[in-house]
């Protein structure tokens, strides 16, 4: 199935949308998951699964479905932490998973600090970019975020 740039962009922008729902309707529980993740130095999505049996990615996938997003976007949002579970859009989901990991590696994280985020070999293979090029991609990502912060006067 061909990947379309606008769908990849949308999936990347929406991949953590489930946090907005959790924050709005389960704020206390989300705070608990974050606190536990900080204490245990584990990713928050692991604590979400442990504490309430689902994650922000599951909620985001449901929201993407409710909003009528394409099945590819729905899958990327739902499976971005576990792309190997995506039986229909694995390669696309791997792109979103890789971008998520790179963002965390660059320090653009929505949860715990001090966690080592690594690109999974199956993700690297599916994306088709040599592993050594990811450092340059991450550096460009940081520069682009810094430019945007400067443009919009965001700290």
Foldseek 3Di string as FASTA:
>chain_A
DDDDPVLLVVLLVQLQVLVVVCCVPVVVQLVVLQVVCQVVVHDSQVSCCVPPNGGSLCSSLVVCVVVVHDPLSSLLSNQLVPLVPDPPNSLSSLVSVLVQLLCVVLVVDPGYPPHRRDRDPVSCVSPVDPPVCSVVVSVVVVVVVVVVCVVVVHD
